[in-house]
C-alpha atoms as a PDB file:
ATOM      1  CA  MET A   1     125.821 -35.617 143.965  1.00  0.00           C
ATOM      2  CA  GLY A   2     122.168 -37.068 143.157  1.00  0.00           C
ATOM      3  CA  GLN A   3     120.813 -37.313 139.670  1.00  0.00           C
ATOM      4  CA  GLN A   4     119.537 -33.801 139.264  1.00  0.00           C
ATOM      5  CA  ASP A   5     122.757 -32.334 141.020  1.00  0.00           C
ATOM      6  CA  GLN A   6     124.761 -34.046 138.308  1.00  0.00           C
ATOM      7  CA  LEU A   7     122.573 -32.647 135.513  1.00  0.00           C
ATOM      8  CA  ASN A   8     122.819 -29.162 136.834  1.00  0.00           C
ATOM      9  CA  HIS A   9     126.483 -30.016 137.031  1.00  0.00           C
ATOM     10  CA  GLN A  10     126.339 -30.939 133.503  1.00  0.00           C
ATOM     11  CA  GLN A  11     124.313 -28.343 132.005  1.00  0.00           C
ATOM     12  CA  ARG A  12     125.750 -25.361 134.322  1.00  0.00           C
ATOM     13  CA  GLN A  13     122.603 -23.911 134.796  1.00  0.00           C
ATOM     14  CA  PRO A  14     122.204 -21.514 137.716  1.00  0.00           C
ATOM     15  CA  ILE A  15     120.038 -22.922 140.938  1.00  0.00           C
ATOM     16  CA  ASP A  16     116.857 -20.958 141.262  1.00  0.00           C
ATOM     17  CA  VAL A  17     115.836 -21.735 145.064  1.00  0.00           C
ATOM     18  CA  ASP A  18     112.283 -20.211 146.666  1.00  0.00           C
ATOM     19  CA  LEU A  19     113.829 -18.945 150.092  1.00  0.00           C
ATOM     20  CA  GLY A  20     110.213 -18.527 151.633  1.00  0.00           C
ATOM     21  CA  GLN A  21     109.975 -22.349 151.488  1.00  0.00           C
ATOM     22  CA  ASP A  22     113.055 -22.731 153.236  1.00  0.00           C
ATOM     23  CA  LEU A  23     112.360 -20.153 155.632  1.00  0.00           C
ATOM     24  CA  HIS A  24     108.785 -21.379 156.436  1.00  0.00           C
ATOM     25  CA  TRP A  25     110.856 -24.901 157.433  1.00  0.00           C
ATOM     26  CA  LEU A  26     113.279 -22.744 159.248  1.00  0.00           C
ATOM     27  CA  LEU A  27     110.382 -21.115 161.610  1.00  0.00           C
ATOM     28  CA  HIS A  28     109.282 -24.651 162.497  1.00  0.00           C
ATOM     29  CA  SER A  29     112.598 -26.165 163.118  1.00  0.00           C
ATOM     30  CA  GLN A  30     113.787 -27.630 166.364  1.00  0.00           C
ATOM     31  CA  PRO A  31     117.718 -27.544 167.373  1.00  0.00           C
ATOM     32  CA  LEU A  32     119.642 -30.564 167.446  1.00  0.00           C
ATOM     33  CA  MET A  33     121.250 -29.981 170.705  1.00  0.00           C
ATOM     34  CA  GLN A  34     119.667 -28.806 174.051  1.00  0.00           C
ATOM     35  CA  PRO A  35     120.906 -25.767 175.324  1.00  0.00           C
ATOM     36  CA  THR A  36     123.793 -25.718 177.944  1.00  0.00           C
ATOM     37  CA  PRO A  37     124.491 -23.517 180.995  1.00  0.00           C
ATOM     38  CA  SER A  38     127.109 -21.505 178.462  1.00  0.00           C
ATOM     39  CA  ILE A  39     125.223 -21.697 175.186  1.00  0.00           C
ATOM     40  CA  GLY A  40     121.984 -20.290 174.652  1.00  0.00           C
ATOM     41  CA  MET A  41     119.922 -21.620 171.505  1.00  0.00           C
ATOM     42  CA  PHE A  42     118.845 -19.113 168.977  1.00  0.00           C
ATOM     43  CA  ALA A  43     114.861 -19.605 168.260  1.00  0.00           C
ATOM     44  CA  PRO A  44     113.941 -18.521 164.807  1.00  0.00           C
ATOM     45  CA  ASN A  45     110.038 -18.343 165.798  1.00  0.00           C
ATOM     46  CA  ASN A  46     110.765 -15.808 168.633  1.00  0.00           C
ATOM     47  CA  ILE A  47     111.489 -13.355 165.814  1.00  0.00           C
ATOM     48  CA  ASP A  48     108.636 -11.293 164.823  1.00  0.00           C
ATOM     49  CA  TYR A  49     108.962 -12.077 161.252  1.00  0.00           C
ATOM     50  CA  GLN A  50     106.414 -10.319 159.007  1.00  0.00           C
ATOM     51  CA  PRO A  51     106.335 -11.845 155.366  1.00  0.00           C
ATOM     52  CA  THR A  52     105.957  -9.605 152.628  1.00  0.00           C
ATOM     53  CA  PRO A  53     103.513  -9.173 150.201  1.00  0.00           C
ATOM     54  CA  ALA A  54     105.486 -11.264 147.680  1.00  0.00           C
ATOM     55  CA  SER A  55     104.955 -14.912 148.425  1.00  0.00           C
ATOM     56  CA  LYS A  56     108.067 -16.272 146.686  1.00  0.00           C
ATOM     57  CA  HIS A  57     111.690 -15.085 147.516  1.00  0.00           C
ATOM     58  CA  PHE A  58     113.653 -16.301 144.517  1.00  0.00           C
ATOM     59  CA  THR A  59     117.660 -16.736 145.053  1.00  0.00           C
ATOM     60  CA  HIS A  60     120.123 -17.581 142.549  1.00  0.00           C
ATOM     61  CA  TYR A  61     122.924 -19.803 143.203  1.00  0.00           C
ATOM     62  CA  PRO A  62     126.081 -21.164 141.006  1.00  0.00           C
ATOM     63  CA  PRO A  63     125.501 -24.517 139.723  1.00  0.00           C
ATOM     64  CA  GLN A  64     127.076 -27.493 141.239  1.00  0.00           C
ATOM     65  CA  PRO A  65     129.794 -28.134 142.277  1.00  0.00           C
ATOM     66  CA  ALA A  66     130.262 -24.508 143.278  1.00  0.00           C
ATOM     67  CA  TYR A  67     126.413 -24.553 145.018  1.00  0.00           C
ATOM     68  CA  ARG A  68     126.821 -24.457 148.903  1.00  0.00           C
ATOM     69  CA  LEU A  69     124.134 -25.711 151.476  1.00  0.00           C
ATOM     70  CA  GLY A  70     125.835 -23.430 154.227  1.00  0.00           C
ATOM     71  CA  LYS A  71     125.708 -20.370 152.014  1.00  0.00           C
ATOM     72  CA  HIS A  72     121.966 -21.202 151.008  1.00  0.00           C
ATOM     73  CA  PHE A  73     120.854 -21.699 154.977  1.00  0.00           C
ATOM     74  CA  GLU A  74     122.906 -18.408 155.887  1.00  0.00           C
ATOM     75  CA  ASP A  75     120.224 -16.475 153.127  1.00  0.00           C
ATOM     76  CA  CYS A  76     117.648 -18.152 154.660  1.00  0.00           C
ATOM     77  CA  VAL A  77     118.507 -16.641 157.983  1.00  0.00           C
ATOM     78  CA  ASP A  78     119.228 -13.074 156.346  1.00  0.00           C
ATOM     79  CA  LEU A  79     115.299 -13.369 154.832  1.00  0.00           C
ATOM     80  CA  LEU A  80     113.974 -13.946 158.300  1.00  0.00           C
ATOM     81  CA  PHE A  81     115.935 -10.817 159.828  1.00  0.00           C
ATOM     82  CA  ALA A  82     114.731  -8.729 156.753  1.00  0.00           C
ATOM     83  CA  GLY A  83     111.320  -9.537 157.401  1.00  0.00           C
ATOM     84  CA  SER A  84     111.631  -8.418 161.154  1.00  0.00           C
ATOM     85  CA  SER A  85     110.774  -4.736 162.623  1.00  0.00           C
ATOM     86  CA  SER A  86     112.638  -5.581 166.025  1.00  0.00           C
ATOM     87  CA  HIS A  87     115.670  -7.377 164.987  1.00  0.00           C
ATOM     88  CA  SER A  88     118.658  -6.576 162.610  1.00  0.00           C
ATOM     89  CA  ILE A  89     121.427  -7.816 161.253  1.00  0.00           C
ATOM     90  CA  ILE A  90     124.645  -5.803 161.910  1.00  0.00           C
ATOM     91  CA  ASP A  91     126.924  -7.484 159.833  1.00  0.00           C
ATOM     92  CA  ARG A  92     127.644 -11.297 158.697  1.00  0.00           C
ATOM     93  CA  ASN A  93     130.598 -13.575 158.099  1.00  0.00           C
ATOM     94  CA  ILE A  94     132.872 -11.344 159.477  1.00  0.00           C
ATOM     95  CA  VAL A  95     136.562 -12.894 158.629  1.00  0.00           C
ATOM     96  CA  ILE A  96     139.040 -12.289 161.809  1.00  0.00           C
ATOM     97  CA  GLN A  97     141.971 -11.632 160.501  1.00  0.00           C
ATOM     98  CA  ALA A  98     145.793 -11.368 162.889  1.00  0.00           C
ATOM     99  CA  PRO A  99     149.047 -10.430 161.166  1.00  0.00           C
ATOM    100  CA  GLU A 100     150.252 -14.091 161.063  1.00  0.00           C
ATOM    101  CA  ARG A 101     147.100 -15.862 160.422  1.00  0.00           C
ATOM    102  CA  THR A 102     143.415 -16.369 160.253  1.00  0.00           C
ATOM    103  CA  LEU A 103     141.717 -16.322 163.685  1.00  0.00           C
ATOM    104  CA  GLY A 104     138.377 -17.690 162.596  1.00  0.00           C
ATOM    105  CA  GLU A 105     134.919 -16.232 161.342  1.00  0.00           C
ATOM    106  CA  LEU A 106     131.870 -14.863 163.194  1.00  0.00           C
ATOM    107  CA  ASP A 107     128.840 -16.036 161.038  1.00  0.00           C
ATOM    108  CA  LEU A 108     126.595 -13.137 162.152  1.00  0.00           C
ATOM    109  CA  LEU A 109     126.145  -9.984 164.397  1.00  0.00           C
ATOM    110  CA  TYR A 110     122.783  -9.210 165.322  1.00  0.00           C
ATOM    111  CA  ARG A 111     121.003  -6.483 167.452  1.00  0.00           C
ATOM    112  CA  ASN A 112     117.664  -7.617 168.884  1.00  0.00           C
ATOM    113  CA  ASP A 113     114.549  -5.967 170.679  1.00  0.00           C
ATOM    114  CA  GLN A 114     116.378  -4.894 173.569  1.00  0.00           C
ATOM    115  CA  GLN A 115     118.906  -3.295 171.516  1.00  0.00           C
ATOM    116  CA  GLN A 116     121.562  -6.053 172.477  1.00  0.00           C
ATOM    117  CA  VAL A 117     124.336  -7.435 170.272  1.00  0.00           C
ATOM    118  CA  ILE A 118     124.356 -10.968 169.823  1.00  0.00           C
ATOM    119  CA  HIS A 119     127.043 -12.928 168.361  1.00  0.00           C
ATOM    120  CA  LEU A 120     125.136 -15.569 166.384  1.00  0.00           C
ATOM    121  CA  GLU A 121     126.689 -19.274 164.797  1.00  0.00           C
ATOM    122  CA  LEU A 122     124.594 -20.735 162.209  1.00  0.00           C
ATOM    123  CA  ALA A 123     124.829 -24.802 160.863  1.00  0.00           C
ATOM    124  CA  ILE A 124     122.380 -26.750 159.204  1.00  0.00           C
ATOM    125  CA  LYS A 125     123.467 -30.421 159.649  1.00  0.00           C
ATOM    126  CA  TYR A 126     122.264 -33.815 158.440  1.00  0.00           C
ATOM    127  CA  TYR A 127     123.820 -36.879 160.459  1.00  0.00           C
ATOM    128  CA  LEU A 128     122.870 -40.599 160.489  1.00  0.00           C
ATOM    129  CA  LEU A 129     123.192 -42.613 163.636  1.00  0.00           C
ATOM    130  CA  GLU A 130     125.097 -45.521 162.682  1.00  0.00           C
ATOM    131  CA  LYS A 131     123.658 -49.033 163.297  1.00  0.00           C
ATOM    132  CA  ASP A 132     123.732 -50.070 166.909  1.00  0.00           C
ATOM    133  CA  GLY A 133     125.535 -46.520 167.587  1.00  0.00           C
ATOM    134  CA  THR A 134     125.025 -45.172 171.349  1.00  0.00           C
ATOM    135  CA  GLN A 135     127.221 -42.133 171.268  1.00  0.00           C
ATOM    136  CA  LEU A 136     127.386 -38.760 169.601  1.00  0.00           C
ATOM    137  CA  ALA A 137     130.471 -39.859 167.803  1.00  0.00           C
ATOM    138  CA  ASN A 138     127.992 -42.582 166.065  1.00  0.00           C
ATOM    139  CA  PHE A 139     126.126 -39.598 164.309  1.00  0.00           C
ATOM    140  CA  VAL A 140     128.124 -39.089 161.124  1.00  0.00           C
ATOM    141  CA  GLY A 141     127.455 -37.149 158.084  1.00  0.00           C
ATOM    142  CA  PRO A 142     126.041 -38.798 155.055  1.00  0.00           C
ATOM    143  CA  ALA A 143     129.311 -38.625 152.830  1.00  0.00           C
ATOM    144  CA  GLY A 144     131.121 -40.211 156.167  1.00  0.00           C
ATOM    145  CA  ILE A 145     133.132 -36.910 156.200  1.00  0.00           C
ATOM    146  CA  ASP A 146     132.019 -35.299 159.519  1.00  0.00           C
ATOM    147  CA  ARG A 147     130.632 -36.262 162.937  1.00  0.00           C
ATOM    148  CA  LEU A 148     128.076 -34.839 165.197  1.00  0.00           C
ATOM    149  CA  ASP A 149     130.399 -35.151 168.371  1.00  0.00           C
ATOM    150  CA  LEU A 150     133.298 -33.129 166.705  1.00  0.00           C
ATOM    151  CA  LYS A 151     131.099 -30.239 165.212  1.00  0.00           C
ATOM    152  CA  TRP A 152     129.535 -29.661 168.752  1.00  0.00           C
ATOM    153  CA  GLN A 153     133.043 -29.447 170.229  1.00  0.00           C
ATOM    154  CA  ARG A 154     134.208 -27.160 167.947  1.00  0.00           C
ATOM    155  CA  LEU A 155     131.108 -24.831 168.303  1.00  0.00           C
ATOM    156  CA  CYS A 156     131.236 -24.999 171.744  1.00  0.00           C
ATOM    157  CA  GLU A 157     135.239 -24.714 172.538  1.00  0.00           C
ATOM    158  CA  HIS A 158     136.044 -22.644 169.511  1.00  0.00           C
ATOM    159  CA  GLN A 159     133.368 -20.906 167.423  1.00  0.00           C
ATOM    160  CA  LEU A 160     130.926 -19.658 170.077  1.00  0.00           C
ATOM    161  CA  PRO A 161     133.779 -18.194 172.223  1.00  0.00           C
ATOM    162  CA  LEU A 162     135.492 -16.720 169.655  1.00  0.00           C
ATOM    163  CA  SER A 163     133.909 -13.496 170.041  1.00  0.00           C
ATOM    164  CA  GLN A 164     134.857 -13.175 173.562  1.00  0.00           C
ATOM    165  CA  THR A 165     138.675 -13.031 172.991  1.00  0.00           C
ATOM    166  CA  GLN A 166     140.538  -9.970 173.244  1.00  0.00           C
ATOM    167  CA  ARG A 167     141.754 -10.107 169.738  1.00  0.00           C
ATOM    168  CA  VAL A 168     138.495 -10.466 168.005  1.00  0.00           C
ATOM    169  CA  LYS A 169     137.232  -7.520 170.400  1.00  0.00           C
ATOM    170  CA  ASP A 170     140.259  -5.355 168.768  1.00  0.00           C
ATOM    171  CA  HIS A 171     139.406  -6.456 165.472  1.00  0.00           C
ATOM    172  CA  LEU A 172     135.559  -5.386 165.648  1.00  0.00           C
ATOM    173  CA  LEU A 173     136.493  -2.144 167.163  1.00  0.00           C
ATOM    174  CA  ALA A 174     138.961  -1.499 164.459  1.00  0.00           C
ATOM    175  CA  HIS A 175     136.264  -1.955 161.794  1.00  0.00           C
ATOM    176  CA  SER A 176     133.567  -0.052 164.043  1.00  0.00           C
ATOM    177  CA  LEU A 177     131.418  -2.987 165.038  1.00  0.00           C
ATOM    178  CA  PRO A 178     129.978  -3.008 168.090  1.00  0.00           C
ATOM    179  CA  LEU A 179     130.890  -5.734 170.519  1.00  0.00           C
ATOM    180  CA  PRO A 180     128.421  -8.564 171.526  1.00  0.00           C
ATOM    181  CA  SER A 181     127.112  -9.079 175.205  1.00  0.00           C
ATOM    182  CA  HIS A 182     126.839 -12.599 174.464  1.00  0.00           C
ATOM    183  CA  HIS A 183     126.527 -15.523 172.069  1.00  0.00           C
ATOM    184  CA  GLN A 184     123.899 -17.955 170.536  1.00  0.00           C
ATOM    185  CA  LEU A 185     123.800 -20.881 168.404  1.00  0.00           C
ATOM    186  CA  LEU A 186     121.320 -21.814 165.668  1.00  0.00           C
ATOM    187  CA  LEU A 187     122.537 -25.804 164.938  1.00  0.00           C
ATOM    188  CA  THR A 188     119.483 -27.255 163.147  1.00  0.00           C
ATOM    189  CA  GLY A 189     118.769 -29.808 160.614  1.00  0.00           C
ATOM    190  CA  MET A 190     118.121 -33.754 160.863  1.00  0.00           C
ATOM    191  CA  LEU A 191     118.982 -36.633 162.434  1.00  0.00           C
ATOM    192  CA  PHE A 192     118.350 -39.883 160.423  1.00  0.00           C
ATOM    193  CA  TYR A 193     118.150 -43.708 162.145  1.00  0.00           C
ATOM    194  CA  ALA A 194     118.183 -47.064 160.822  1.00  0.00           C
ATOM    195  CA  TYR A 195     114.795 -48.115 158.742  1.00  0.00           C
ATOM    196  CA  GLN A 196     113.686 -50.674 160.697  1.00  0.00           C
ATOM    197  CA  ASP A 197     112.696 -48.904 163.970  1.00  0.00           C
ATOM    198  CA  TRP A 198     113.507 -45.183 163.051  1.00  0.00           C
ATOM    199  CA  GLN A 199     110.613 -43.561 164.699  1.00  0.00           C
ATOM    200  CA  HIS A 200     111.113 -45.038 168.175  1.00  0.00           C
ATOM    201  CA  THR A 201     114.893 -44.732 168.165  1.00  0.00           C
ATOM    202  CA  HIS A 202     115.977 -42.535 171.233  1.00  0.00           C
ATOM    203  CA  ILE A 203     119.642 -42.025 172.735  1.00  0.00           C
ATOM    204  CA  ASP A 204     119.393 -40.374 175.931  1.00  0.00           C
ATOM    205  CA  ASN A 205     121.908 -38.602 178.264  1.00  0.00           C
ATOM    206  CA  LEU A 206     123.825 -37.182 175.259  1.00  0.00           C
ATOM    207  CA  GLY A 207     122.274 -33.703 174.927  1.00  0.00           C
ATOM    208  CA  LEU A 208     120.270 -34.390 172.245  1.00  0.00           C
ATOM    209  CA  ASN A 209     116.833 -32.035 172.151  1.00  0.00           C
ATOM    210  CA  PRO A 210     114.290 -35.093 172.039  1.00  0.00           C
ATOM    211  CA  GLU A 211     111.961 -32.899 169.746  1.00  0.00           C
ATOM    212  CA  HIS A 212     114.653 -32.799 167.005  1.00  0.00           C
ATOM    213  CA  HIS A 213     113.527 -33.479 163.212  1.00  0.00           C
ATOM    214  CA  ARG A 214     114.048 -36.955 162.399  1.00  0.00           C
ATOM    215  CA  GLY A 215     113.888 -39.351 159.456  1.00  0.00           C
ATOM    216  CA  TRP A 216     115.447 -42.584 158.216  1.00  0.00           C
ATOM    217  CA  TRP A 217     118.282 -44.201 156.177  1.00  0.00           C
ATOM    218  CA  LEU A 218     118.655 -47.249 153.989  1.00  0.00           C
ATOM    219  CA  GLY A 219     121.515 -48.570 152.152  1.00  0.00           C
ATOM    220  CA  HIS A 220     121.410 -49.167 148.806  1.00  0.00           C
ATOM    221  CA  ASN A 221     120.849 -52.996 149.220  1.00  0.00           C
ATOM    222  CA  GLU A 222     117.927 -52.268 151.793  1.00  0.00           C
ATOM    223  CA  LEU A 223     115.813 -50.421 149.297  1.00  0.00           C
ATOM    224  CA  ASP A 224     113.319 -53.046 148.994  1.00  0.00           C
ATOM    225  CA  GLN A 225     111.925 -52.143 152.619  1.00  0.00           C
ATOM    226  CA  LEU A 226     110.167 -49.077 150.927  1.00  0.00           C
ATOM    227  CA  GLN A 227     108.247 -51.402 148.834  1.00  0.00           C
ATOM    228  CA  THR A 228     104.510 -52.024 149.600  1.00  0.00           C
ATOM    229  CA  LYS A 229     101.782 -54.456 148.635  1.00  0.00           C
ATOM    230  CA  GLU A 230     100.198 -51.981 146.707  1.00  0.00           C
ATOM    231  CA  PRO A 231     103.022 -49.910 144.841  1.00  0.00           C
ATOM    232  CA  HIS A 232     100.673 -47.367 143.225  1.00  0.00           C
ATOM    233  CA  LEU A 233      99.424 -45.968 146.772  1.00  0.00           C
ATOM    234  CA  ARG A 234     103.345 -45.121 147.414  1.00  0.00           C
ATOM    235  CA  GLY A 235     105.885 -42.592 145.676  1.00  0.00           C
ATOM    236  CA  PHE A 236     108.816 -41.195 146.047  1.00  0.00           C
ATOM    237  CA  ILE A 237     110.717 -37.650 145.295  1.00  0.00           C
ATOM    238  CA  VAL A 238     114.574 -37.574 145.081  1.00  0.00           C
ATOM    239  CA  LEU A 239     115.428 -34.183 146.283  1.00  0.00           C
ATOM    240  CA  PRO A 240     118.133 -32.226 144.457  1.00  0.00           C
ATOM    241  CA  LYS A 241     120.654 -30.519 147.098  1.00  0.00           C
ATOM    242  CA  TRP A 242     118.903 -27.057 147.207  1.00  0.00           C
ATOM    243  CA  HIS A 243     115.738 -28.418 148.058  1.00  0.00           C
ATOM    244  CA  TRP A 244     117.221 -30.278 151.295  1.00  0.00           C
ATOM    245  CA  ILE A 245     116.002 -27.416 153.491  1.00  0.00           C
ATOM    246  CA  GLY A 246     112.421 -27.042 152.855  1.00  0.00           C
ATOM    247  CA  GLY A 247     111.966 -30.263 151.307  1.00  0.00           C
ATOM    248  CA  PRO A 248     108.297 -30.879 150.836  1.00  0.00           C
ATOM    249  CA  LEU A 249     107.615 -27.471 150.822  1.00  0.00           C
ATOM    250  CA  HIS A 250     109.176 -27.065 147.635  1.00  0.00           C
ATOM    251  CA  TYR A 251     106.677 -29.650 145.769  1.00  0.00           C
ATOM    252  CA  PRO A 252     102.662 -28.114 146.642  1.00  0.00           C
ATOM    253  CA  GLU A 253     101.541 -30.679 143.855  1.00  0.00           C
ATOM    254  CA  ALA A 254     103.847 -33.800 144.195  1.00  0.00           C
ATOM    255  CA  GLU A 255     104.256 -35.944 141.322  1.00  0.00           C
ATOM    256  CA  PRO A 256     106.320 -38.784 142.797  1.00  0.00           C
ATOM    257  CA  ILE A 257     108.140 -41.663 141.390  1.00  0.00           C
ATOM    258  CA  ALA A 258     107.228 -45.268 141.499  1.00  0.00           C
ATOM    259  CA  TYR A 259     109.597 -47.405 143.482  1.00  0.00           C
ATOM    260  CA  ASN A 260     111.227 -49.148 140.114  1.00  0.00           C
ATOM    261  CA  GLU A 261     112.183 -45.597 139.235  1.00  0.00           C
ATOM    262  CA  LEU A 262     113.624 -44.606 142.786  1.00  0.00           C
ATOM    263  CA  LEU A 263     115.813 -47.764 142.717  1.00  0.00           C
ATOM    264  CA  THR A 264     117.269 -46.174 139.499  1.00  0.00           C
ATOM    265  CA  GLN A 265     117.738 -42.658 140.496  1.00  0.00           C
ATOM    266  CA  ALA A 266     118.916 -43.242 144.214  1.00  0.00           C
ATOM    267  CA  THR A 267     121.525 -45.798 143.154  1.00  0.00           C
ATOM    268  CA  ALA A 268     123.031 -44.667 140.179  1.00  0.00           C
ATOM    269  CA  ASP A 269     126.230 -43.478 141.936  1.00  0.00           C
ATOM    270  CA  PRO A 270     127.895 -43.573 145.281  1.00  0.00           C
ATOM    271  CA  TRP A 271     126.621 -40.187 146.395  1.00  0.00           C
ATOM    272  CA  PRO A 272     123.982 -39.889 149.172  1.00  0.00           C
ATOM    273  CA  SER A 273     120.222 -39.425 148.239  1.00  0.00           C
ATOM    274  CA  MET A 274     117.366 -37.622 150.246  1.00  0.00           C
ATOM    275  CA  VAL A 275     114.260 -39.088 149.679  1.00  0.00           C
ATOM    276  CA  LEU A 276     110.756 -38.125 150.314  1.00  0.00           C
ATOM    277  CA  VAL A 277     108.011 -40.439 150.739  1.00  0.00           C
ATOM    278  CA  TYR A 278     104.413 -40.037 149.721  1.00  0.00           C
ATOM    279  CA  GLU A 279     101.130 -41.932 150.112  1.00  0.00           C
ATOM    280  CA  ARG A 280      97.500 -41.816 148.846  1.00  0.00           C
ATOM    281  CA  ILE A 281      94.527 -43.680 149.899  1.00  0.00           C
ATOM    282  CA  ASP A 282      93.748 -44.354 146.069  1.00  0.00           C
ATOM    283  CA  GLU A 283      94.391 -43.686 142.313  1.00  0.00           C
ATOM    284  CA  HIS A 284      91.768 -40.609 142.866  1.00  0.00           C
ATOM    285  CA  THR A 285      93.153 -38.895 145.871  1.00  0.00           C
ATOM    286  CA  PRO A 286      96.058 -36.143 146.125  1.00  0.00           C
ATOM    287  CA  TRP A 287      99.622 -37.293 147.647  1.00  0.00           C
ATOM    288  CA  GLN A 288     100.289 -36.713 151.091  1.00  0.00           C
ATOM    289  CA  PHE A 289     103.689 -36.564 152.234  1.00  0.00           C
ATOM    290  CA  LYS A 290     104.633 -39.063 155.130  1.00  0.00           C
ATOM    291  CA  HIS A 291     108.527 -38.927 155.999  1.00  0.00           C
ATOM    292  CA  ARG A 292     112.100 -38.092 154.553  1.00  0.00           C
ATOM    293  CA  GLY A 293     115.115 -40.283 154.462  1.00  0.00           C
ATOM    294  CA  LEU A 294     118.559 -41.016 153.579  1.00  0.00           C
ATOM    295  CA  VAL A 295     119.679 -43.649 150.683  1.00  0.00           C
ATOM    296  CA  LEU A 296     123.296 -44.345 151.127  1.00  0.00           C
ATOM    297  CA  ASP A 297     125.756 -46.813 149.412  1.00  0.00           C
ATOM    298  CA  ARG A 298     126.601 -48.811 152.146  1.00  0.00           C
END
């Protein structure tokens, strides 16, 4: 975990997050994958979200390592529905328990503006494309544990069809829950590409959404590529895990660190770090966010 995550783990302080900033990111987000004939993509910006007068929506999470980004993302989606007058959540995190085993879990059931009941699966993921990679299997998680092809396959073949099985229908009816008429997927996040050509790397014919959010990645021994001839005009922020979703939205008055401090923070341990890059015209102008990336021990 990053330096701020480690400090939080040591101090055991609860984490406070302004979900309003993450929701702003979500409302402008793009899915990682394109829809298919059997999978419809949930579009957050199609919800008639009306923000409340309170501009901040602070939510408390347990300190590291108990903090979970997935739970954080689910709460962000919950806030989206809470601000809608036409869409409402019926239930979330519905564990389907059979006598002999757990069959799975439905992330969310909601009712739309046409009074249809929808099963919605949620996931926010960050994958980097290995150098010279050309397949979905070459998009791997920052810690090297998961892969985009496996996640996509499980969503398509197990999690989404689950609500149409008879045992799940029986479970829902037994718990006085309505049966969904169809399912949708919210799979968003970012894909990261090798720094040298990160803005222009395109992998076709894999089903990726061409408008997905993208960033760069570098190994510890490649960080010198972030240096500039005028170091005082480029700065960095190393994000704690709980700011991965909204990123720069959590820093309206950014105070970036210099390259040497970035080198110290981002290489202090083998855990991946997400880094925001800022630039300015001169020392008298404000910092402007430019892009973000992952720094990895590889």
